[in-house]
Amino acid sequence: MSERLSEDELNAIRKRIYELKLEHRDLDDAIDHLVALGTFEELKIKRMKKRKLQLKDTIARLEDRLIPDILA
């Protein structure tokens, strides 16, 4: 999988990672806020946590694309 990415592609991936990390942090803050209010909307919180995990997985995949294959 020695796919060489252009500088534009690398920058697009970095930008997307940044956006996803912001969304992840915002979800974390929203979950904390809901829990602090005591409004335990369990289904909503579960969905938010699931989305956070999806974001984390996507971020990890994108970050892996930024690391060049050493064993080519």
PDB file of N, CA and C in Angstrom:
ATOM      1  N   MET A   1       0.835  -1.192   0.000  1.00  0.00           N
ATOM      2  CA  MET A   1       0.000   0.000   0.000  1.00  0.00           C
ATOM      3  C   MET A   1       0.875   1.248   0.000  1.00  0.00           C
ATOM      4  N   SER A   2       1.822   1.302  -0.858  1.00  0.00           N
ATOM      5  CA  SER A   2       2.736   2.441  -0.915  1.00  0.00           C
ATOM      6  C   SER A   2       2.158   3.520  -1.821  1.00  0.00           C
ATOM      7  N   GLU A   3       1.075   4.084  -1.401  1.00  0.00           N
ATOM      8  CA  GLU A   3       0.378   5.122  -2.139  1.00  0.00           C
ATOM      9  C   GLU A   3       1.011   6.473  -1.793  1.00  0.00           C
ATOM     10  N   ARG A   4       1.554   7.134  -2.798  1.00  0.00           N
ATOM     11  CA  ARG A   4       2.167   8.442  -2.596  1.00  0.00           C
ATOM     12  C   ARG A   4       1.104   9.514  -2.742  1.00  0.00           C
ATOM     13  N   LEU A   5       0.974  10.329  -1.716  1.00  0.00           N
ATOM     14  CA  LEU A   5      -0.030  11.381  -1.733  1.00  0.00           C
ATOM     15  C   LEU A   5       0.616  12.714  -2.079  1.00  0.00           C
ATOM     16  N   SER A   6      -0.106  13.509  -2.830  1.00  0.00           N
ATOM     17  CA  SER A   6       0.384  14.849  -3.156  1.00  0.00           C
ATOM     18  C   SER A   6       0.273  15.733  -1.915  1.00  0.00           C
ATOM     19  N   GLU A   7       0.925  16.865  -1.980  1.00  0.00           N
ATOM     20  CA  GLU A   7       0.872  17.811  -0.856  1.00  0.00           C
ATOM     21  C   GLU A   7      -0.561  18.297  -0.629  1.00  0.00           C
ATOM     22  N   ASP A   8      -1.309  18.491  -1.714  1.00  0.00           N
ATOM     23  CA  ASP A   8      -2.714  18.908  -1.587  1.00  0.00           C
ATOM     24  C   ASP A   8      -3.542  17.832  -0.885  1.00  0.00           C
ATOM     25  N   GLU A   9      -3.299  16.573  -1.238  1.00  0.00           N
ATOM     26  CA  GLU A   9      -4.017  15.479  -0.598  1.00  0.00           C
ATOM     27  C   GLU A   9      -3.660  15.382   0.878  1.00  0.00           C
ATOM     28  N   LEU A  10      -2.388  15.541   1.187  1.00  0.00           N
ATOM     29  CA  LEU A  10      -1.951  15.515   2.588  1.00  0.00           C
ATOM     30  C   LEU A  10      -2.605  16.636   3.379  1.00  0.00           C
ATOM     31  N   ASN A  11      -2.636  17.819   2.795  1.00  0.00           N
ATOM     32  CA  ASN A  11      -3.262  18.958   3.473  1.00  0.00           C
ATOM     33  C   ASN A  11      -4.756  18.744   3.667  1.00  0.00           C
ATOM     34  N   ALA A  12      -5.415  18.130   2.681  1.00  0.00           N
ATOM     35  CA  ALA A  12      -6.846  17.847   2.800  1.00  0.00           C
ATOM     36  C   ALA A  12      -7.093  16.845   3.932  1.00  0.00           C
ATOM     37  N   ILE A  13      -6.229  15.844   4.041  1.00  0.00           N
ATOM     38  CA  ILE A  13      -6.368  14.861   5.122  1.00  0.00           C
ATOM     39  C   ILE A  13      -6.148  15.527   6.473  1.00  0.00           C
ATOM     40  N   ARG A  14      -5.114  16.357   6.568  1.00  0.00           N
ATOM     41  CA  ARG A  14      -4.841  17.067   7.827  1.00  0.00           C
ATOM     42  C   ARG A  14      -6.027  17.946   8.223  1.00  0.00           C
ATOM     43  N   LYS A  15      -6.614  18.635   7.244  1.00  0.00           N
ATOM     44  CA  LYS A  15      -7.757  19.502   7.518  1.00  0.00           C
ATOM     45  C   LYS A  15      -8.937  18.671   8.008  1.00  0.00           C
ATOM     46  N   ARG A  16      -9.183  17.529   7.360  1.00  0.00           N
ATOM     47  CA  ARG A  16     -10.291  16.664   7.760  1.00  0.00           C
ATOM     48  C   ARG A  16     -10.080  16.116   9.166  1.00  0.00           C
ATOM     49  N   ILE A  17      -8.839  15.744   9.485  1.00  0.00           N
ATOM     50  CA  ILE A  17      -8.523  15.256  10.834  1.00  0.00           C
ATOM     51  C   ILE A  17      -8.838  16.343  11.858  1.00  0.00           C
ATOM     52  N   TYR A  18      -8.429  17.556  11.562  1.00  0.00           N
ATOM     53  CA  TYR A  18      -8.687  18.687  12.461  1.00  0.00           C
ATOM     54  C   TYR A  18     -10.194  18.857  12.692  1.00  0.00           C
ATOM     55  N   GLU A  19     -10.979  18.808  11.603  1.00  0.00           N
ATOM     56  CA  GLU A  19     -12.425  18.971  11.706  1.00  0.00           C
ATOM     57  C   GLU A  19     -13.049  17.846  12.538  1.00  0.00           C
ATOM     58  N   LEU A  20     -12.590  16.623  12.308  1.00  0.00           N
ATOM     59  CA  LEU A  20     -13.129  15.485  13.046  1.00  0.00           C
ATOM     60  C   LEU A  20     -12.766  15.568  14.527  1.00  0.00           C
ATOM     61  N   LYS A  21     -11.560  16.029  14.825  1.00  0.00           N
ATOM     62  CA  LYS A  21     -11.166  16.178  16.228  1.00  0.00           C
ATOM     63  C   LYS A  21     -12.005  17.238  16.919  1.00  0.00           C
ATOM     64  N   LEU A  22     -12.336  18.308  16.197  1.00  0.00           N
ATOM     65  CA  LEU A  22     -13.219  19.336  16.767  1.00  0.00           C
ATOM     66  C   LEU A  22     -14.599  18.755  17.068  1.00  0.00           C
ATOM     67  N   GLU A  23     -15.129  17.994  16.113  1.00  0.00           N
ATOM     68  CA  GLU A  23     -16.442  17.379  16.333  1.00  0.00           C
ATOM     69  C   GLU A  23     -16.391  16.415  17.510  1.00  0.00           C
ATOM     70  N   HIS A  24     -15.303  15.652  17.612  1.00  0.00           N
ATOM     71  CA  HIS A  24     -15.137  14.699  18.710  1.00  0.00           C
ATOM     72  C   HIS A  24     -15.129  15.434  20.052  1.00  0.00           C
ATOM     73  N   ARG A  25     -14.369  16.525  20.116  1.00  0.00           N
ATOM     74  CA  ARG A  25     -14.296  17.312  21.351  1.00  0.00           C
ATOM     75  C   ARG A  25     -15.645  17.941  21.691  1.00  0.00           C
ATOM     76  N   ASP A  26     -16.337  18.435  20.672  1.00  0.00           N
ATOM     77  CA  ASP A  26     -17.652  19.032  20.897  1.00  0.00           C
ATOM     78  C   ASP A  26     -18.644  18.003  21.434  1.00  0.00           C
ATOM     79  N   LEU A  27     -18.594  16.794  20.891  1.00  0.00           N
ATOM     80  CA  LEU A  27     -19.466  15.728  21.384  1.00  0.00           C
ATOM     81  C   LEU A  27     -19.137  15.401  22.835  1.00  0.00           C
ATOM     82  N   ASP A  28     -17.854  15.347  23.138  1.00  0.00           N
ATOM     83  CA  ASP A  28     -17.418  15.070  24.502  1.00  0.00           C
ATOM     84  C   ASP A  28     -17.974  16.123  25.458  1.00  0.00           C
ATOM     85  N   ASP A  29     -17.859  17.383  25.062  1.00  0.00           N
ATOM     86  CA  ASP A  29     -18.384  18.482  25.883  1.00  0.00           C
ATOM     87  C   ASP A  29     -19.901  18.383  26.041  1.00  0.00           C
ATOM     88  N   ALA A  30     -20.594  18.051  24.952  1.00  0.00           N
ATOM     89  CA  ALA A  30     -22.048  17.941  24.996  1.00  0.00           C
ATOM     90  C   ALA A  30     -22.489  16.798  25.914  1.00  0.00           C
ATOM     91  N   ILE A  31     -21.788  15.679  25.838  1.00  0.00           N
ATOM     92  CA  ILE A  31     -22.097  14.547  26.705  1.00  0.00           C
ATOM     93  C   ILE A  31     -21.884  14.939  28.158  1.00  0.00           C
ATOM     94  N   ASP A  32     -20.749  15.556  28.448  1.00  0.00           N
ATOM     95  CA  ASP A  32     -20.475  16.005  29.816  1.00  0.00           C
ATOM     96  C   ASP A  32     -21.553  16.963  30.309  1.00  0.00           C
ATOM     97  N   HIS A  33     -21.988  17.849  29.434  1.00  0.00           N
ATOM     98  CA  HIS A  33     -23.013  18.833  29.794  1.00  0.00           C
ATOM     99  C   HIS A  33     -24.332  18.138  30.123  1.00  0.00           C
ATOM    100  N   LEU A  34     -24.733  17.174  29.277  1.00  0.00           N
ATOM    101  CA  LEU A  34     -25.980  16.445  29.529  1.00  0.00           C
ATOM    102  C   LEU A  34     -25.919  15.688  30.849  1.00  0.00           C
ATOM    103  N   VAL A  35     -24.788  15.066  31.117  1.00  0.00           N
ATOM    104  CA  VAL A  35     -24.631  14.306  32.361  1.00  0.00           C
ATOM    105  C   VAL A  35     -24.654  15.261  33.556  1.00  0.00           C
ATOM    106  N   ALA A  36     -23.977  16.411  33.434  1.00  0.00           N
ATOM    107  CA  ALA A  36     -23.929  17.384  34.529  1.00  0.00           C
ATOM    108  C   ALA A  36     -25.318  17.951  34.833  1.00  0.00           C
ATOM    109  N   LEU A  37     -26.137  18.123  33.809  1.00  0.00           N
ATOM    110  CA  LEU A  37     -27.494  18.637  34.011  1.00  0.00           C
ATOM    111  C   LEU A  37     -28.401  17.614  34.668  1.00  0.00           C
ATOM    112  N   GLY A  38     -27.995  16.379  34.601  1.00  0.00           N
ATOM    113  CA  GLY A  38     -28.818  15.330  35.172  1.00  0.00           C
ATOM    114  C   GLY A  38     -29.945  14.902  34.257  1.00  0.00           C
ATOM    115  N   THR A  39     -29.926  15.408  33.042  1.00  0.00           N
ATOM    116  CA  THR A  39     -30.938  14.991  32.068  1.00  0.00           C
ATOM    117  C   THR A  39     -30.420  13.758  31.341  1.00  0.00           C
ATOM    118  N   PHE A  40     -30.611  12.638  31.969  1.00  0.00           N
ATOM    119  CA  PHE A  40     -30.063  11.402  31.431  1.00  0.00           C
ATOM    120  C   PHE A  40     -30.922  10.867  30.297  1.00  0.00           C
ATOM    121  N   GLU A  41     -30.690  11.432  29.159  1.00  0.00           N
ATOM    122  CA  GLU A  41     -31.317  10.927  27.947  1.00  0.00           C
ATOM    123  C   GLU A  41     -30.392   9.830  27.440  1.00  0.00           C
ATOM    124  N   GLU A  42     -30.562   8.644  28.000  1.00  0.00           N
ATOM    125  CA  GLU A  42     -29.620   7.562  27.757  1.00  0.00           C
ATOM    126  C   GLU A  42     -29.444   7.249  26.285  1.00  0.00           C
ATOM    127  N   LEU A  43     -30.535   7.188  25.545  1.00  0.00           N
ATOM    128  CA  LEU A  43     -30.443   6.855  24.126  1.00  0.00           C
ATOM    129  C   LEU A  43     -29.630   7.913  23.382  1.00  0.00           C
ATOM    130  N   LYS A  44     -29.892   9.173  23.684  1.00  0.00           N
ATOM    131  CA  LYS A  44     -29.167  10.265  23.034  1.00  0.00           C
ATOM    132  C   LYS A  44     -27.679  10.195  23.388  1.00  0.00           C
ATOM    133  N   ILE A  45     -27.374   9.971  24.650  1.00  0.00           N
ATOM    134  CA  ILE A  45     -25.978   9.885  25.088  1.00  0.00           C
ATOM    135  C   ILE A  45     -25.291   8.686  24.435  1.00  0.00           C
ATOM    136  N   LYS A  46     -25.995   7.547  24.352  1.00  0.00           N
ATOM    137  CA  LYS A  46     -25.408   6.366  23.700  1.00  0.00           C
ATOM    138  C   LYS A  46     -25.099   6.641  22.240  1.00  0.00           C
ATOM    139  N   ARG A  47     -26.011   7.320  21.565  1.00  0.00           N
ATOM    140  CA  ARG A  47     -25.779   7.662  20.152  1.00  0.00           C
ATOM    141  C   ARG A  47     -24.588   8.602  20.010  1.00  0.00           C
ATOM    142  N   MET A  48     -24.485   9.552  20.918  1.00  0.00           N
ATOM    143  CA  MET A  48     -23.363  10.494  20.871  1.00  0.00           C
ATOM    144  C   MET A  48     -22.041   9.764  21.119  1.00  0.00           C
ATOM    145  N   LYS A  49     -22.041   8.832  22.064  1.00  0.00           N
ATOM    146  CA  LYS A  49     -20.827   8.075  22.350  1.00  0.00           C
ATOM    147  C   LYS A  49     -20.451   7.181  21.170  1.00  0.00           C
ATOM    148  N   LYS A  50     -21.454   6.610  20.519  1.00  0.00           N
ATOM    149  CA  LYS A  50     -21.191   5.784  19.338  1.00  0.00           C
ATOM    150  C   LYS A  50     -20.578   6.635  18.236  1.00  0.00           C
ATOM    151  N   ARG A  51     -21.108   7.823  18.051  1.00  0.00           N
ATOM    152  CA  ARG A  51     -20.559   8.751  17.034  1.00  0.00           C
ATOM    153  C   ARG A  51     -19.117   9.111  17.378  1.00  0.00           C
ATOM    154  N   LYS A  52     -18.839   9.327  18.672  1.00  0.00           N
ATOM    155  CA  LYS A  52     -17.468   9.632  19.094  1.00  0.00           C
ATOM    156  C   LYS A  52     -16.523   8.503  18.713  1.00  0.00           C
ATOM    157  N   LEU A  53     -16.951   7.261  18.920  1.00  0.00           N
ATOM    158  CA  LEU A  53     -16.115   6.111  18.561  1.00  0.00           C
ATOM    159  C   LEU A  53     -15.893   6.046  17.052  1.00  0.00           C
ATOM    160  N   GLN A  54     -16.935   6.329  16.279  1.00  0.00           N
ATOM    161  CA  GLN A  54     -16.793   6.349  14.830  1.00  0.00           C
ATOM    162  C   GLN A  54     -15.790   7.415  14.402  1.00  0.00           C
ATOM    163  N   LEU A  55     -15.887   8.576  15.031  1.00  0.00           N
ATOM    164  CA  LEU A  55     -14.945   9.658  14.724  1.00  0.00           C
ATOM    165  C   LEU A  55     -13.517   9.247  15.056  1.00  0.00           C
ATOM    166  N   LYS A  56     -13.344   8.624  16.213  1.00  0.00           N
ATOM    167  CA  LYS A  56     -12.014   8.194  16.638  1.00  0.00           C
ATOM    168  C   LYS A  56     -11.421   7.207  15.636  1.00  0.00           C
ATOM    169  N   ASP A  57     -12.229   6.261  15.172  1.00  0.00           N
ATOM    170  CA  ASP A  57     -11.768   5.284  14.184  1.00  0.00           C
ATOM    171  C   ASP A  57     -11.394   5.960  12.868  1.00  0.00           C
ATOM    172  N   THR A  58     -12.220   6.894  12.433  1.00  0.00           N
ATOM    173  CA  THR A  58     -11.947   7.614  11.188  1.00  0.00           C
ATOM    174  C   THR A  58     -10.673   8.436  11.308  1.00  0.00           C
ATOM    175  N   ILE A  59     -10.506   9.102  12.437  1.00  0.00           N
ATOM    176  CA  ILE A  59      -9.289   9.887  12.678  1.00  0.00           C
ATOM    177  C   ILE A  59      -8.061   8.979  12.616  1.00  0.00           C
ATOM    178  N   ALA A  60      -8.133   7.832  13.252  1.00  0.00           N
ATOM    179  CA  ALA A  60      -7.000   6.895  13.260  1.00  0.00           C
ATOM    180  C   ALA A  60      -6.664   6.436  11.842  1.00  0.00           C
ATOM    181  N   ARG A  61      -7.694   6.123  11.048  1.00  0.00           N
ATOM    182  CA  ARG A  61      -7.445   5.696   9.658  1.00  0.00           C
ATOM    183  C   ARG A  61      -6.791   6.805   8.849  1.00  0.00           C
ATOM    184  N   LEU A  62      -7.276   8.029   9.024  1.00  0.00           N
ATOM    185  CA  LEU A  62      -6.698   9.153   8.281  1.00  0.00           C
ATOM    186  C   LEU A  62      -5.264   9.433   8.725  1.00  0.00           C
ATOM    187  N   GLU A  63      -5.016   9.348  10.026  1.00  0.00           N
ATOM    188  CA  GLU A  63      -3.653   9.572  10.526  1.00  0.00           C
ATOM    189  C   GLU A  63      -2.705   8.495   9.994  1.00  0.00           C
ATOM    190  N   ASP A  64      -3.204   7.272   9.857  1.00  0.00           N
ATOM    191  CA  ASP A  64      -2.382   6.204   9.287  1.00  0.00           C
ATOM    192  C   ASP A  64      -1.994   6.505   7.841  1.00  0.00           C
ATOM    193  N   ARG A  65      -2.877   7.168   7.116  1.00  0.00           N
ATOM    194  CA  ARG A  65      -2.568   7.533   5.726  1.00  0.00           C
ATOM    195  C   ARG A  65      -1.442   8.555   5.639  1.00  0.00           C
ATOM    196  N   LEU A  66      -1.261   9.329   6.708  1.00  0.00           N
ATOM    197  CA  LEU A  66      -0.212  10.338   6.704  1.00  0.00           C
ATOM    198  C   LEU A  66       1.170   9.742   6.966  1.00  0.00           C
ATOM    199  N   ILE A  67       1.195   8.525   7.532  1.00  0.00           N
ATOM    200  CA  ILE A  67       2.470   7.888   7.859  1.00  0.00           C
ATOM    201  C   ILE A  67       2.915   7.065   6.647  1.00  0.00           C
ATOM    202  N   PRO A  68       4.066   7.368   6.088  1.00  0.00           N
ATOM    203  CA  PRO A  68       4.529   6.614   4.923  1.00  0.00           C
ATOM    204  C   PRO A  68       4.882   5.172   5.273  1.00  0.00           C
ATOM    205  N   ASP A  69       4.650   4.274   4.331  1.00  0.00           N
ATOM    206  CA  ASP A  69       5.023   2.876   4.520  1.00  0.00           C
ATOM    207  C   ASP A  69       6.541   2.752   4.471  1.00  0.00           C
ATOM    208  N   ILE A  70       7.125   2.257   5.562  1.00  0.00           N
ATOM    209  CA  ILE A  70       8.564   2.096   5.635  1.00  0.00           C
ATOM    210  C   ILE A  70       8.989   0.770   4.998  1.00  0.00           C
ATOM    211  N   LEU A  71       8.176  -0.247   5.195  1.00  0.00           N
ATOM    212  CA  LEU A  71       8.498  -1.555   4.657  1.00  0.00           C
ATOM    213  C   LEU A  71       7.846  -1.757   3.296  1.00  0.00           C
ATOM    214  N   ALA A  72       8.332  -1.032   2.321  1.00  0.00           N
ATOM    215  CA  ALA A  72       7.751  -1.137   0.976  1.00  0.00           C
ATOM    216  C   ALA A  72       8.518  -2.135   0.144  1.00  0.00           C
TER     217      ALA A  72
END
